[in-house]
Protein backbone atom coordinates (compact mmCIF):
# COMPACT_ATOMS: atom_id res chain seq x y z
CA MET A 1 -36.95 137.24 -58.80
CA ALA A 2 -33.80 137.56 -60.84
CA LYS A 3 -30.54 136.49 -59.40
CA THR A 4 -27.65 138.86 -59.32
CA PRO A 5 -24.60 138.03 -61.49
CA THR A 6 -22.11 135.64 -60.10
CA TRP A 7 -19.38 138.32 -59.99
CA GLN A 8 -21.48 140.32 -57.50
CA ARG A 9 -22.13 137.32 -55.29
CA LYS A 10 -19.76 135.57 -52.76
CA GLU A 11 -19.29 132.53 -55.07
CA GLY A 12 -17.72 134.71 -57.70
CA GLN A 13 -15.33 136.49 -55.38
CA ASP A 14 -11.90 135.19 -54.38
CA PRO A 15 -11.34 135.12 -50.59
CA LYS A 16 -7.88 136.54 -51.20
CA GLY A 17 -9.41 139.58 -53.03
CA GLY A 18 -10.63 140.21 -56.49
CA LEU A 19 -12.66 137.81 -58.63
CA ASN A 20 -12.20 134.15 -59.12
CA ALA A 21 -12.31 132.51 -62.59
CA LYS A 22 -16.16 131.98 -62.30
CA GLY A 23 -16.63 135.65 -61.37
CA ARG A 24 -14.40 136.91 -64.11
CA ALA A 25 -16.32 134.77 -66.67
CA SER A 26 -19.65 136.11 -65.38
CA TYR A 27 -18.38 139.69 -65.54
CA ASN A 28 -17.07 139.28 -69.04
CA LYS A 29 -20.32 137.69 -70.30
CA ALA A 30 -22.52 140.32 -68.64
CA THR A 31 -20.47 143.40 -69.84
CA GLY A 32 -18.60 142.16 -72.83
CA GLY A 33 -15.35 142.81 -70.93
CA ASN A 34 -12.12 140.93 -71.00
CA LEU A 35 -10.96 140.62 -67.34
CA LYS A 36 -7.75 138.54 -66.85
CA PRO A 37 -6.41 136.97 -63.58
CA PRO A 38 -4.02 139.08 -61.47
CA ALA A 39 -0.42 139.41 -62.66
CA PRO A 40 1.62 139.68 -59.43
CA ASN A 41 4.84 138.49 -61.11
CA PRO A 42 4.40 139.60 -64.75
CA LYS A 43 6.47 138.00 -67.44
CA THR A 44 5.31 139.92 -70.51
CA LYS A 45 5.41 143.67 -71.20
CA GLU A 46 1.58 143.67 -71.41
CA ASP A 47 1.26 142.02 -67.95
CA LYS A 48 3.74 144.58 -66.52
CA GLY A 49 1.62 147.38 -67.88
CA ARG A 50 -1.53 145.80 -66.44
CA ARG A 51 0.03 145.43 -63.05
CA LYS A 52 1.41 149.01 -62.94
CA SER A 53 -2.08 150.31 -63.99
CA PHE A 54 -3.93 148.32 -61.40
CA CYS A 55 -1.57 149.45 -58.69
CA ALA A 56 -2.05 153.08 -59.65
CA ARG A 57 -5.76 152.86 -59.82
CA SER A 58 -6.01 150.91 -56.49
CA ALA A 59 -3.70 153.49 -54.73
CA GLY A 60 -6.28 156.08 -55.76
CA GLN A 61 -9.06 153.99 -54.24
CA ALA A 62 -7.07 153.74 -51.09
CA ARG A 63 -6.87 157.53 -50.84
CA MET A 64 -10.65 157.81 -51.57
CA PHE A 65 -11.62 155.18 -49.05
CA PRO A 66 -9.28 155.55 -46.05
CA ASP A 67 -11.30 153.16 -43.88
CA ALA A 68 -10.84 150.40 -46.33
CA ALA A 69 -7.18 151.22 -46.69
CA LYS A 70 -6.72 150.83 -42.92
CA ASP A 71 -8.62 147.50 -42.73
CA PRO A 72 -6.19 144.53 -43.59
CA ASN A 73 -9.23 142.39 -44.35
CA SER A 74 -10.79 144.85 -46.85
CA ARG A 75 -11.24 143.62 -50.42
CA LEU A 76 -9.17 146.54 -51.62
CA ASN A 77 -6.11 145.47 -49.49
CA LYS A 78 -6.49 141.88 -50.39
CA ALA A 79 -6.55 142.70 -54.11
CA ARG A 80 -3.50 144.92 -53.78
CA LYS A 81 -1.64 142.11 -51.96
CA ALA A 82 -2.56 139.60 -54.68
CA TRP A 83 -1.10 141.92 -57.26
CA ASN A 84 2.11 142.73 -55.17
CA CYS A 85 1.27 146.44 -55.04
């Protein structure tokens, strides 16, 4: 039986929300992506844009999933907090 990728398992997920370094590496390898760590206090123009984009996308998710938006322990709210949204 094939194992699921690390980013889909608990060991690849950050308890504060989002993915940890191991999870990001697994996702990047599996999909050819280029995930970077959160940028809660961006210093570069690029990081400011990433943060603004993430906050906008996650606000849309909060509207689509109101139960997750109300739960302070949901992965959505934890990730938004990690990004200072």
